[in-house]
Amino acid sequence: MLRSDVMEHPVVIGIDVSKAEFVIAVHPSGEIWTSATTPAAIEALVARLRAFGAPLIVMEATAGYELPLAAACAGAALAVAVVNPRQVRAFAQAMGHTAKTDVIDAGVLALFGARMQPVPRAIPDAETQALAGLVTRRRQLLEMLGAERRRLAQAPPTGPVTRDLRTHIRWLERRVRDVDDEIGTAVQQSPVWRVHEDLLRSVPGIGPTVARTLLAELPELGRLDRRAIAALVGVAPFNRDSGQWRGRRMIWGAAPRSERRSTWARSSRPAITRPCACFINGCVPRASRPRSHSWR
């Protein structure tokens, strides 16, 4: 989210993240250096970043590689904004930066942060990251299970391949049940998650899988209003008008595929015509009549 009324940071630091290396660029000084991604290197990097006072640190969401550094920066009370890579790339193209290297990307991130002033967001804590990891693992197991079942359907009735497929399918089914138990245990051990899961499951059509997926992968739920949360998930229909032309409203967003699929599949059912207002609007029930799916 970008806002014009937030405090402007005099120093903005862009960090290009990869698996093996961080590239750091400082605006407006133009200082650039690199760092390894080991825990010791992250600790040293955070100490160096703190020497800049109160900078705004901007990095892209990069398949989770940014999380250790973002968490370390947040733990050191540094302002961190993890931004949408698509927005940064569009900004770079608007500035005429067609080339793309790690050093250029770090500089573009620093300039993006200085010009756009993205709002720092809270980094998920270790428990939320662990729950998200379990939810992701469950999804991976289900994808493997589906693939093996399709192979079994095309396999001969008997033979070593068929036996192996059936053995693997039984093992995958056990692992899905085990991961479900681990997710349920994690949720039940957290008083906050228990309350949030109960609220989510009070909505018709929302079961434990969807509720726990949202708890793990959409921690902003309950902290943002309904428009902001729908835009974040990627199910908000945005206008596409020009002059007299009125185009179809299109959804657009950066949410992971799983939470968008879970949310859209349930919210698009005819039986569900309202958001979970008691949760999205700060746990305060709405007295007004539920509205339709049209964006207001």
C-alpha atoms as a PDB file:
ATOM      1  CA  MET A   1       0.000   0.000   0.000  1.00  0.00           C
ATOM      2  CA  LEU A   2       1.257   3.476  -0.876  1.00  0.00           C
ATOM      3  CA  ARG A   3       0.201   6.592   0.986  1.00  0.00           C
ATOM      4  CA  SER A   4       1.023  10.249   0.630  1.00  0.00           C
ATOM      5  CA  ASP A   5       0.374  11.178   4.274  1.00  0.00           C
ATOM      6  CA  VAL A   6       3.018   8.960   5.867  1.00  0.00           C
ATOM      7  CA  MET A   7       6.266  10.262   7.272  1.00  0.00           C
ATOM      8  CA  GLU A   8       8.912  10.593   4.595  1.00  0.00           C
ATOM      9  CA  HIS A   9      12.172   8.864   5.441  1.00  0.00           C
ATOM     10  CA  PRO A  10      15.291  10.897   4.599  1.00  0.00           C
ATOM     11  CA  VAL A  11      17.252   7.721   3.889  1.00  0.00           C
ATOM     12  CA  VAL A  12      15.806   4.857   1.872  1.00  0.00           C
ATOM     13  CA  ILE A  13      17.678   1.582   1.412  1.00  0.00           C
ATOM     14  CA  GLY A  14      16.771  -0.787  -1.412  1.00  0.00           C
ATOM     15  CA  ILE A  15      17.806  -4.417  -1.068  1.00  0.00           C
ATOM     16  CA  ASP A  16      17.733  -6.815  -3.994  1.00  0.00           C
ATOM     17  CA  VAL A  17      17.254 -10.313  -2.591  1.00  0.00           C
ATOM     18  CA  SER A  18      18.462 -13.586  -4.030  1.00  0.00           C
ATOM     19  CA  LYS A  19      19.210 -16.995  -2.568  1.00  0.00           C
ATOM     20  CA  ALA A  20      22.960 -16.420  -2.205  1.00  0.00           C
ATOM     21  CA  GLU A  21      23.406 -12.651  -1.977  1.00  0.00           C
ATOM     22  CA  PHE A  22      21.859  -9.344  -0.966  1.00  0.00           C
ATOM     23  CA  VAL A  23      22.638  -6.219  -2.979  1.00  0.00           C
ATOM     24  CA  ILE A  24      22.128  -3.037  -0.981  1.00  0.00           C
ATOM     25  CA  ALA A  25      21.706   0.471  -2.438  1.00  0.00           C
ATOM     26  CA  VAL A  26      21.288   3.655  -0.379  1.00  0.00           C
ATOM     27  CA  HIS A  27      19.314   6.706  -1.495  1.00  0.00           C
ATOM     28  CA  PRO A  28      20.301   9.539  -1.786  1.00  0.00           C
ATOM     29  CA  SER A  29      24.010   8.824  -1.168  1.00  0.00           C
ATOM     30  CA  GLY A  30      24.237   6.164  -3.887  1.00  0.00           C
ATOM     31  CA  GLU A  31      26.284   3.817  -1.688  1.00  0.00           C
ATOM     32  CA  ILE A  32      26.160   0.179  -2.875  1.00  0.00           C
ATOM     33  CA  TRP A  33      27.498  -3.011  -1.349  1.00  0.00           C
ATOM     34  CA  THR A  34      26.715  -6.724  -1.171  1.00  0.00           C
ATOM     35  CA  SER A  35      26.180  -9.174   1.657  1.00  0.00           C
ATOM     36  CA  ALA A  36      25.910 -12.923   2.040  1.00  0.00           C
ATOM     37  CA  THR A  37      22.658 -14.469   3.238  1.00  0.00           C
ATOM     38  CA  THR A  38      23.961 -16.511   6.183  1.00  0.00           C
ATOM     39  CA  PRO A  39      22.609 -15.773   9.683  1.00  0.00           C
ATOM     40  CA  ALA A  40      25.917 -14.189  10.706  1.00  0.00           C
ATOM     41  CA  ALA A  41      25.968 -12.020   7.578  1.00  0.00           C
ATOM     42  CA  ILE A  42      22.355 -10.939   8.177  1.00  0.00           C
ATOM     43  CA  GLU A  43      23.214  -9.928  11.734  1.00  0.00           C
ATOM     44  CA  ALA A  44      26.166  -7.850  10.512  1.00  0.00           C
ATOM     45  CA  LEU A  45      24.036  -6.302   7.766  1.00  0.00           C
ATOM     46  CA  VAL A  46      21.321  -5.264  10.215  1.00  0.00           C
ATOM     47  CA  ALA A  47      23.930  -3.618  12.433  1.00  0.00           C
ATOM     48  CA  ARG A  48      25.222  -1.668   9.439  1.00  0.00           C
ATOM     49  CA  LEU A  49      21.697  -0.634   8.444  1.00  0.00           C
ATOM     50  CA  ARG A  50      20.994   0.671  11.955  1.00  0.00           C
ATOM     51  CA  ALA A  51      23.949   3.031  11.582  1.00  0.00           C
ATOM     52  CA  PHE A  52      21.868   5.014   9.057  1.00  0.00           C
ATOM     53  CA  GLY A  53      19.492   6.090  11.829  1.00  0.00           C
ATOM     54  CA  ALA A  54      15.858   5.482  10.906  1.00  0.00           C
ATOM     55  CA  PRO A  55      15.922   4.454   7.240  1.00  0.00           C
ATOM     56  CA  LEU A  56      13.098   2.932   5.243  1.00  0.00           C
ATOM     57  CA  ILE A  57      14.171  -0.469   3.955  1.00  0.00           C
ATOM     58  CA  VAL A  58      12.497  -1.628   0.751  1.00  0.00           C
ATOM     59  CA  MET A  59      12.738  -5.127  -0.690  1.00  0.00           C
ATOM     60  CA  GLU A  60      10.659  -7.227  -3.043  1.00  0.00           C
ATOM     61  CA  ALA A  61       8.750 -10.357  -2.121  1.00  0.00           C
ATOM     62  CA  THR A  62      11.117 -13.037  -3.445  1.00  0.00           C
ATOM     63  CA  ALA A  63       9.731 -16.530  -2.839  1.00  0.00           C
ATOM     64  CA  GLY A  64      10.377 -16.257   0.891  1.00  0.00           C
ATOM     65  CA  TYR A  65      14.100 -15.497   0.608  1.00  0.00           C
ATOM     66  CA  GLU A  66      13.395 -12.022   1.954  1.00  0.00           C
ATOM     67  CA  LEU A  67      11.776 -13.223   5.185  1.00  0.00           C
ATOM     68  CA  PRO A  68      14.903 -13.852   7.338  1.00  0.00           C
ATOM     69  CA  LEU A  69      16.317 -10.417   6.553  1.00  0.00           C
ATOM     70  CA  ALA A  70      12.937  -8.683   6.874  1.00  0.00           C
ATOM     71  CA  ALA A  71      12.331 -10.362  10.245  1.00  0.00           C
ATOM     72  CA  ALA A  72      15.813  -9.405  11.469  1.00  0.00           C
ATOM     73  CA  CYS A  73      15.274  -5.785  10.419  1.00  0.00           C
ATOM     74  CA  ALA A  74      11.863  -5.672  12.071  1.00  0.00           C
ATOM     75  CA  GLY A  75      13.360  -7.153  15.233  1.00  0.00           C
ATOM     76  CA  ALA A  76      15.873  -4.288  15.238  1.00  0.00           C
ATOM     77  CA  ALA A  77      13.004  -1.736  15.037  1.00  0.00           C
ATOM     78  CA  LEU A  78      13.811  -0.814  11.440  1.00  0.00           C
ATOM     79  CA  ALA A  79      10.985   0.183   9.086  1.00  0.00           C
ATOM     80  CA  VAL A  80      10.627  -2.524   6.422  1.00  0.00           C
ATOM     81  CA  ALA A  81       8.367  -2.485   3.362  1.00  0.00           C
ATOM     82  CA  VAL A  82       8.107  -5.706   1.355  1.00  0.00           C
ATOM     83  CA  VAL A  83       6.653  -4.542  -1.951  1.00  0.00           C
ATOM     84  CA  ASN A  84       5.077  -6.076  -5.028  1.00  0.00           C
ATOM     85  CA  PRO A  85       7.754  -6.848  -7.664  1.00  0.00           C
ATOM     86  CA  ARG A  86       5.316  -5.988 -10.446  1.00  0.00           C
ATOM     87  CA  GLN A  87       4.876  -2.458  -9.103  1.00  0.00           C
ATOM     88  CA  VAL A  88       8.626  -1.955  -8.853  1.00  0.00           C
ATOM     89  CA  ARG A  89       9.165  -3.215 -12.389  1.00  0.00           C
ATOM     90  CA  ALA A  90       6.475  -0.886 -13.720  1.00  0.00           C
ATOM     91  CA  PHE A  91       8.152   1.981 -11.836  1.00  0.00           C
ATOM     92  CA  ALA A  92      11.516   1.084 -13.394  1.00  0.00           C
ATOM     93  CA  GLN A  93      10.024   1.016 -16.882  1.00  0.00           C
ATOM     94  CA  ALA A  94       8.341   4.369 -16.275  1.00  0.00           C
ATOM     95  CA  MET A  95      11.737   5.777 -15.276  1.00  0.00           C
ATOM     96  CA  GLY A  96      13.269   4.415 -18.481  1.00  0.00           C
ATOM     97  CA  HIS A  97      15.319   1.660 -16.826  1.00  0.00           C
ATOM     98  CA  THR A  98      15.114  -1.149 -19.365  1.00  0.00           C
ATOM     99  CA  ALA A  99      18.257  -2.990 -18.253  1.00  0.00           C
ATOM    100  CA  LYS A 100      17.987  -5.335 -15.290  1.00  0.00           C
ATOM    101  CA  THR A 101      20.794  -6.436 -12.989  1.00  0.00           C
ATOM    102  CA  ASP A 102      20.958  -6.977  -9.239  1.00  0.00           C
ATOM    103  CA  VAL A 103      22.739  -3.658  -8.740  1.00  0.00           C
ATOM    104  CA  ILE A 104      20.234  -1.808 -10.920  1.00  0.00           C
ATOM    105  CA  ASP A 105      17.338  -3.491  -9.146  1.00  0.00           C
ATOM    106  CA  ALA A 106      18.647  -2.443  -5.729  1.00  0.00           C
ATOM    107  CA  GLY A 107      18.985   1.152  -6.920  1.00  0.00           C
ATOM    108  CA  VAL A 108      15.486   1.088  -8.394  1.00  0.00           C
ATOM    109  CA  LEU A 109      14.091  -0.231  -5.102  1.00  0.00           C
ATOM    110  CA  ALA A 110      15.760   2.601  -3.197  1.00  0.00           C
ATOM    111  CA  LEU A 111      14.409   5.175  -5.660  1.00  0.00           C
ATOM    112  CA  PHE A 112      10.966   3.556  -5.573  1.00  0.00           C
ATOM    113  CA  GLY A 113      10.944   3.814  -1.790  1.00  0.00           C
ATOM    114  CA  ALA A 114      12.041   7.461  -1.849  1.00  0.00           C
ATOM    115  CA  ARG A 115       9.430   8.501  -4.426  1.00  0.00           C
ATOM    116  CA  MET A 116       6.487   6.319  -3.414  1.00  0.00           C
ATOM    117  CA  GLN A 117       7.079   5.968   0.340  1.00  0.00           C
ATOM    118  CA  PRO A 118       5.495   2.505   0.736  1.00  0.00           C
ATOM    119  CA  VAL A 119       3.966   1.902   4.149  1.00  0.00           C
ATOM    120  CA  PRO A 120       5.971  -0.534   6.312  1.00  0.00           C
ATOM    121  CA  ARG A 121       4.013  -3.634   7.257  1.00  0.00           C
ATOM    122  CA  ALA A 122       4.363  -5.938  10.213  1.00  0.00           C
ATOM    123  CA  ILE A 123       6.411  -9.042   9.439  1.00  0.00           C
ATOM    124  CA  PRO A 124       4.739 -12.373  10.303  1.00  0.00           C
ATOM    125  CA  ASP A 125       6.124 -13.811  13.506  1.00  0.00           C
ATOM    126  CA  ALA A 126       7.867 -17.182  13.712  1.00  0.00           C
ATOM    127  CA  GLU A 127       4.662 -19.011  14.665  1.00  0.00           C
ATOM    128  CA  THR A 128       2.750 -17.589  11.694  1.00  0.00           C
ATOM    129  CA  GLN A 129       5.601 -18.458   9.333  1.00  0.00           C
ATOM    130  CA  ALA A 130       5.666 -22.011  10.704  1.00  0.00           C
ATOM    131  CA  LEU A 131       1.900 -22.341  10.222  1.00  0.00           C
ATOM    132  CA  ALA A 132       2.228 -21.002   6.670  1.00  0.00           C
ATOM    133  CA  GLY A 133       4.927 -23.586   6.027  1.00  0.00           C
ATOM    134  CA  LEU A 134       2.630 -26.388   7.169  1.00  0.00           C
ATOM    135  CA  VAL A 135      -0.221 -25.084   5.001  1.00  0.00           C
ATOM    136  CA  THR A 136       2.132 -24.908   2.007  1.00  0.00           C
ATOM    137  CA  ARG A 137       3.388 -28.427   2.696  1.00  0.00           C
ATOM    138  CA  ARG A 138      -0.181 -29.736   2.875  1.00  0.00           C
ATOM    139  CA  ARG A 139      -0.904 -28.172  -0.513  1.00  0.00           C
ATOM    140  CA  GLN A 140       2.222 -29.772  -1.978  1.00  0.00           C
ATOM    141  CA  LEU A 141       1.241 -33.183  -0.619  1.00  0.00           C
ATOM    142  CA  LEU A 142      -2.235 -32.858  -2.124  1.00  0.00           C
ATOM    143  CA  GLU A 143      -0.744 -31.947  -5.500  1.00  0.00           C
ATOM    144  CA  MET A 144       1.502 -35.025  -5.375  1.00  0.00           C
ATOM    145  CA  LEU A 145      -1.417 -37.167  -4.261  1.00  0.00           C
ATOM    146  CA  GLY A 146      -3.531 -35.969  -7.161  1.00  0.00           C
ATOM    147  CA  ALA A 147      -0.713 -36.661  -9.621  1.00  0.00           C
ATOM    148  CA  GLU A 148      -0.200 -40.197  -8.284  1.00  0.00           C
ATOM    149  CA  ARG A 149      -3.922 -40.948  -8.433  1.00  0.00           C
ATOM    150  CA  ARG A 150      -4.002 -39.866 -12.075  1.00  0.00           C
ATOM    151  CA  ARG A 151      -1.041 -42.123 -12.808  1.00  0.00           C
ATOM    152  CA  LEU A 152      -2.773 -45.014 -11.034  1.00  0.00           C
ATOM    153  CA  ALA A 153      -5.861 -44.512 -13.191  1.00  0.00           C
ATOM    154  CA  GLN A 154      -3.723 -45.019 -16.296  1.00  0.00           C
ATOM    155  CA  ALA A 155      -1.593 -47.862 -14.891  1.00  0.00           C
ATOM    156  CA  PRO A 156      -2.248 -51.546 -15.630  1.00  0.00           C
ATOM    157  CA  PRO A 157      -4.477 -53.417 -13.127  1.00  0.00           C
ATOM    158  CA  THR A 158      -1.516 -55.312 -11.645  1.00  0.00           C
ATOM    159  CA  GLY A 159       2.248 -55.141 -11.666  1.00  0.00           C
ATOM    160  CA  PRO A 160       5.129 -53.519  -9.788  1.00  0.00           C
ATOM    161  CA  VAL A 161       4.313 -49.987 -10.966  1.00  0.00           C
ATOM    162  CA  THR A 162       0.711 -50.280  -9.781  1.00  0.00           C
ATOM    163  CA  ARG A 163       1.822 -51.658  -6.393  1.00  0.00           C
ATOM    164  CA  ASP A 164       4.320 -48.831  -5.990  1.00  0.00           C
ATOM    165  CA  LEU A 165       1.706 -46.225  -6.888  1.00  0.00           C
ATOM    166  CA  ARG A 166      -0.773 -47.619  -4.368  1.00  0.00           C
ATOM    167  CA  THR A 167       1.887 -47.734  -1.662  1.00  0.00           C
ATOM    168  CA  HIS A 168       2.894 -44.151  -2.349  1.00  0.00           C
ATOM    169  CA  ILE A 169      -0.738 -42.994  -2.406  1.00  0.00           C
ATOM    170  CA  ARG A 170      -1.373 -44.580   0.998  1.00  0.00           C
ATOM    171  CA  TRP A 171       1.759 -42.892   2.378  1.00  0.00           C
ATOM    172  CA  LEU A 172       0.726 -39.516   0.974  1.00  0.00           C
ATOM    173  CA  GLU A 173      -2.761 -39.884   2.460  1.00  0.00           C
ATOM    174  CA  ARG A 174      -1.199 -40.590   5.864  1.00  0.00           C
ATOM    175  CA  ARG A 175       1.085 -37.576   5.532  1.00  0.00           C
ATOM    176  CA  VAL A 176      -1.844 -35.305   4.658  1.00  0.00           C
ATOM    177  CA  ARG A 177      -3.662 -36.487   7.783  1.00  0.00           C
ATOM    178  CA  ASP A 178      -0.514 -35.968   9.878  1.00  0.00           C
ATOM    179  CA  VAL A 179      -0.013 -32.433   8.565  1.00  0.00           C
ATOM    180  CA  ASP A 180      -3.697 -31.677   9.160  1.00  0.00           C
ATOM    181  CA  ASP A 181      -3.211 -32.763  12.769  1.00  0.00           C
ATOM    182  CA  GLU A 182      -0.103 -30.577  13.116  1.00  0.00           C
ATOM    183  CA  ILE A 183      -1.949 -27.553  11.699  1.00  0.00           C
ATOM    184  CA  GLY A 184      -4.907 -28.165  13.995  1.00  0.00           C
ATOM    185  CA  THR A 185      -2.621 -28.508  17.025  1.00  0.00           C
ATOM    186  CA  ALA A 186      -0.809 -25.271  16.177  1.00  0.00           C
ATOM    187  CA  VAL A 187      -4.105 -23.389  15.837  1.00  0.00           C
ATOM    188  CA  GLN A 188      -5.535 -24.824  19.060  1.00  0.00           C
ATOM    189  CA  GLN A 189      -2.409 -23.870  21.005  1.00  0.00           C
ATOM    190  CA  SER A 190      -2.894 -20.198  20.115  1.00  0.00           C
ATOM    191  CA  PRO A 191      -5.792 -18.428  21.866  1.00  0.00           C
ATOM    192  CA  VAL A 192      -5.830 -15.724  19.175  1.00  0.00           C
ATOM    193  CA  TRP A 193      -5.919 -18.207  16.304  1.00  0.00           C
ATOM    194  CA  ARG A 194      -8.681 -20.194  17.998  1.00  0.00           C
ATOM    195  CA  VAL A 195     -10.894 -17.110  18.201  1.00  0.00           C
ATOM    196  CA  HIS A 196     -10.131 -16.087  14.612  1.00  0.00           C
ATOM    197  CA  GLU A 197     -10.775 -19.598  13.302  1.00  0.00           C
ATOM    198  CA  ASP A 198     -14.140 -19.705  15.079  1.00  0.00           C
ATOM    199  CA  LEU A 199     -15.101 -16.360  13.526  1.00  0.00           C
ATOM    200  CA  LEU A 200     -14.088 -17.460  10.046  1.00  0.00           C
ATOM    201  CA  ARG A 201     -15.881 -20.792  10.334  1.00  0.00           C
ATOM    202  CA  SER A 202     -19.056 -19.032  11.428  1.00  0.00           C
ATOM    203  CA  VAL A 203     -19.434 -17.928   7.788  1.00  0.00           C
ATOM    204  CA  PRO A 204     -21.460 -20.458   5.722  1.00  0.00           C
ATOM    205  CA  GLY A 205     -19.180 -22.430   3.430  1.00  0.00           C
ATOM    206  CA  ILE A 206     -15.950 -21.754   5.342  1.00  0.00           C
ATOM    207  CA  GLY A 207     -14.445 -24.933   6.748  1.00  0.00           C
ATOM    208  CA  PRO A 208     -11.234 -25.675   8.635  1.00  0.00           C
ATOM    209  CA  THR A 209      -9.036 -25.824   5.518  1.00  0.00           C
ATOM    210  CA  VAL A 210     -10.005 -22.385   4.228  1.00  0.00           C
ATOM    211  CA  ALA A 211      -9.986 -20.843   7.710  1.00  0.00           C
ATOM    212  CA  ARG A 212      -6.492 -22.124   8.501  1.00  0.00           C
ATOM    213  CA  THR A 213      -5.180 -21.147   5.069  1.00  0.00           C
ATOM    214  CA  LEU A 214      -6.366 -17.593   5.649  1.00  0.00           C
ATOM    215  CA  LEU A 215      -4.891 -17.528   9.151  1.00  0.00           C
ATOM    216  CA  ALA A 216      -1.511 -18.626   7.798  1.00  0.00           C
ATOM    217  CA  GLU A 217      -1.273 -16.771   4.509  1.00  0.00           C
ATOM    218  CA  LEU A 218      -3.420 -13.688   5.119  1.00  0.00           C
ATOM    219  CA  PRO A 219      -2.442 -12.372   8.570  1.00  0.00           C
ATOM    220  CA  GLU A 220      -3.677  -8.910   7.541  1.00  0.00           C
ATOM    221  CA  LEU A 221      -7.258 -10.200   7.775  1.00  0.00           C
ATOM    222  CA  GLY A 222      -8.955  -8.300  10.587  1.00  0.00           C
ATOM    223  CA  ARG A 223      -6.468  -5.419  10.415  1.00  0.00           C
ATOM    224  CA  LEU A 224      -7.512  -3.909   7.082  1.00  0.00           C
ATOM    225  CA  ASP A 225     -10.949  -2.821   5.894  1.00  0.00           C
ATOM    226  CA  ARG A 226     -12.904  -4.872   3.380  1.00  0.00           C
ATOM    227  CA  ARG A 227     -11.751  -2.892   0.333  1.00  0.00           C
ATOM    228  CA  ALA A 228      -8.084  -3.108   1.256  1.00  0.00           C
ATOM    229  CA  ILE A 229      -8.233  -6.815   2.098  1.00  0.00           C
ATOM    230  CA  ALA A 230     -10.054  -7.648  -1.149  1.00  0.00           C
ATOM    231  CA  ALA A 231      -7.460  -5.714  -3.145  1.00  0.00           C
ATOM    232  CA  LEU A 232      -4.638  -7.458  -1.275  1.00  0.00           C
ATOM    233  CA  VAL A 233      -6.087 -10.914  -1.953  1.00  0.00           C
ATOM    234  CA  GLY A 234      -6.659  -9.989  -5.584  1.00  0.00           C
ATOM    235  CA  VAL A 235     -10.439 -10.372  -5.814  1.00  0.00           C
ATOM    236  CA  ALA A 236     -11.384  -6.675  -5.987  1.00  0.00           C
ATOM    237  CA  PRO A 237     -12.815  -5.716  -9.405  1.00  0.00           C
ATOM    238  CA  PHE A 238     -10.999  -2.573 -10.537  1.00  0.00           C
ATOM    239  CA  ASN A 239     -12.409  -0.081 -13.040  1.00  0.00           C
ATOM    240  CA  ARG A 240     -11.189  -0.178 -16.653  1.00  0.00           C
ATOM    241  CA  ASP A 241     -12.816   2.920 -18.163  1.00  0.00           C
ATOM    242  CA  SER A 242     -11.593   5.459 -20.697  1.00  0.00           C
ATOM    243  CA  GLY A 243     -13.711   8.340 -22.016  1.00  0.00           C
ATOM    244  CA  GLN A 244     -17.067   6.943 -23.086  1.00  0.00           C
ATOM    245  CA  TRP A 245     -15.791   3.387 -23.007  1.00  0.00           C
ATOM    246  CA  ARG A 246     -16.695   1.209 -20.024  1.00  0.00           C
ATOM    247  CA  GLY A 247     -14.695  -1.964 -19.782  1.00  0.00           C
ATOM    248  CA  ARG A 248     -15.288  -5.045 -17.724  1.00  0.00           C
ATOM    249  CA  ARG A 249     -14.083  -4.841 -14.145  1.00  0.00           C
ATOM    250  CA  MET A 250     -11.028  -7.009 -13.683  1.00  0.00           C
ATOM    251  CA  ILE A 251      -9.441  -8.468 -10.584  1.00  0.00           C
ATOM    252  CA  TRP A 252      -5.746  -7.884 -10.045  1.00  0.00           C
ATOM    253  CA  GLY A 253      -3.457  -8.483  -7.108  1.00  0.00           C
ATOM    254  CA  ALA A 254      -0.366 -10.122  -5.686  1.00  0.00           C
ATOM    255  CA  ALA A 255      -1.873 -12.677  -3.362  1.00  0.00           C
ATOM    256  CA  PRO A 256      -0.532 -16.234  -3.392  1.00  0.00           C
ATOM    257  CA  ARG A 257      -2.548 -18.574  -5.577  1.00  0.00           C
ATOM    258  CA  SER A 258      -3.825 -20.615  -2.632  1.00  0.00           C
ATOM    259  CA  GLU A 259      -5.450 -17.828  -0.610  1.00  0.00           C
ATOM    260  CA  ARG A 260      -6.937 -16.214  -3.715  1.00  0.00           C
ATOM    261  CA  ARG A 261      -8.328 -19.553  -4.852  1.00  0.00           C
ATOM    262  CA  SER A 262      -9.694 -20.348  -1.392  1.00  0.00           C
ATOM    263  CA  THR A 263     -11.295 -16.942  -0.945  1.00  0.00           C
ATOM    264  CA  TRP A 264     -12.692 -16.624  -4.458  1.00  0.00           C
ATOM    265  CA  ALA A 265     -14.080 -20.172  -4.546  1.00  0.00           C
ATOM    266  CA  ARG A 266     -16.088 -19.554  -1.398  1.00  0.00           C
ATOM    267  CA  SER A 267     -17.092 -15.936  -1.949  1.00  0.00           C
ATOM    268  CA  SER A 268     -18.337 -16.641  -5.477  1.00  0.00           C
ATOM    269  CA  ARG A 269     -20.860 -19.248  -4.295  1.00  0.00           C
ATOM    270  CA  PRO A 270     -24.472 -18.039  -4.455  1.00  0.00           C
ATOM    271  CA  ALA A 271     -25.036 -18.936  -0.808  1.00  0.00           C
ATOM    272  CA  ILE A 272     -22.332 -16.517   0.329  1.00  0.00           C
ATOM    273  CA  THR A 273     -23.251 -12.946  -0.522  1.00  0.00           C
ATOM    274  CA  ARG A 274     -21.466 -11.035   2.223  1.00  0.00           C
ATOM    275  CA  PRO A 275     -17.922 -10.756   3.604  1.00  0.00           C
ATOM    276  CA  CYS A 276     -17.071 -11.949   7.076  1.00  0.00           C
ATOM    277  CA  ALA A 277     -17.831  -8.467   8.377  1.00  0.00           C
ATOM    278  CA  CYS A 278     -17.371  -9.301  12.039  1.00  0.00           C
ATOM    279  CA  PHE A 279     -13.768 -10.241  11.290  1.00  0.00           C
ATOM    280  CA  ILE A 280     -12.731  -7.932   8.453  1.00  0.00           C
ATOM    281  CA  ASN A 281     -14.222  -4.851  10.093  1.00  0.00           C
ATOM    282  CA  GLY A 282     -12.506  -5.356  13.433  1.00  0.00           C
ATOM    283  CA  CYS A 283     -14.834  -7.999  14.855  1.00  0.00           C
ATOM    284  CA  VAL A 284     -17.779  -5.561  14.852  1.00  0.00           C
ATOM    285  CA  PRO A 285     -20.920  -7.086  13.267  1.00  0.00           C
ATOM    286  CA  ARG A 286     -22.600  -5.012  10.586  1.00  0.00           C
ATOM    287  CA  ALA A 287     -26.277  -4.277  11.001  1.00  0.00           C
ATOM    288  CA  SER A 288     -26.837  -3.349   7.393  1.00  0.00           C
ATOM    289  CA  ARG A 289     -28.272  -5.771   4.879  1.00  0.00           C
ATOM    290  CA  PRO A 290     -25.613  -7.855   3.082  1.00  0.00           C
ATOM    291  CA  ARG A 291     -24.615  -6.444  -0.254  1.00  0.00           C
ATOM    292  CA  SER A 292     -24.103  -8.297  -3.470  1.00  0.00           C
ATOM    293  CA  HIS A 293     -20.745  -9.083  -5.095  1.00  0.00           C
ATOM    294  CA  SER A 294     -20.532  -5.731  -6.894  1.00  0.00           C
ATOM    295  CA  TRP A 295     -17.628  -3.622  -5.698  1.00  0.00           C
ATOM    296  CA  ARG A 296     -18.606  -0.570  -3.644  1.00  0.00           C
END
